[in-house]
């Protein structure tokens, strides 16, 4: 029962899905004992080597995880008396032991840090926490009249899914504006839909379930105010916008806002500005996610410390696997099999990134954005073992 209320006791970082060597990666640990400070232990035992580290408190809880190009330099910075970050001071004051694990490179340490934060969820870490900011997906679906809605888990019958987005007022507002612009319903599923081209034995006058038909923000599929074909056309137009293929809503709103401002219709200009801001935010966010996925499908060779060179197999921005750089016939055959398993399956261009992958996708995108020269070293997966640099 205690495990329900108290954090899991720390007994090691756990498995590393991107560690391809058969021998385990050793976990190093120093303790604060009487007459021996943590600082002295770090100075004596920790080398200048890339890796990840953790702070463990008196209750044997892992309270913080970090990474460093040089573990020794980074850990000793926690003990500076001057110019120390207040947050670092609070962390080291709680620590009773420090643990670390070597990584072959800075890139490997960065990936391992994210994996450990998601696994252990240390309370002193802010970035990478899976529960700090809840994410949701924007879905088009729920027949017979699909519309845009937010869902933590995309339903299987959805027409299309996009995201993820950070759930909150901004995402909710963007979805509302999206439905308004394209005239899609947002009423409860129990609301009956009656299209204009739907044959009825005894035609009757149908009234709308809400005011959106009257104010022009819904086509009115519940009141036989539109045909099924006309409604489906709007759904496809919304999908084209979300896929980044049609900027018409943004261009039209910007044009109307400028015209209203020039005519000194400031109230209308402000209303159009709010609509534009919500849809622009949504468009830009989805565009960043698309770029993060679509620009990064490659094999990324990284030189490792002590000759531990690795190939990282990146598919749509996600580091799917890692393998030692092929250097002989056996490693070449193993590399061929792994490359085929990662890149052999076709992908759907608009498929959303899974929640457990999104932080990794954004990490890879940020890595290459800050280091554009690294992207030029990437290898095409389909010709990796045919190129001279693909087989050493």
Foldseek 3Di string as FASTA:
>chain_A
DVCVPDADADDDLDDDQFDADPDDFDKDKDFQDVPDHQLNVLVVPAFQAWWKKFFAFPRRATQDIDTDNGVSVVVNLLVDPPPRDPLSVVRVVRGGMMMITGDFGNVRRVVSRLVSCCVRVRNSDDPNDLPNFQWWKWFFDQDPQTATDTGSDDDPGTPAIFDTDGDDDLLVLLRLLLQQVLQGDDDDSVQDFAALPDDDPDDDFFDAPDCSVVVRRHCRRSGNSHHSVSSVVSSVVSVCQLLVNDPVLLVVLVVVLVVCVVVVVVVVNVVSVSSNVSNVVSSVNRVVLLCLQPVDQFWQWDQTPPRQIKTFGAHRQFRPYIDGQAADDVSVVVLVVVLCVVPVDDDDSRHYDDSVGPSSSVVSVVVCVVPVVSSVRTHHSVCQCVDPVRYD
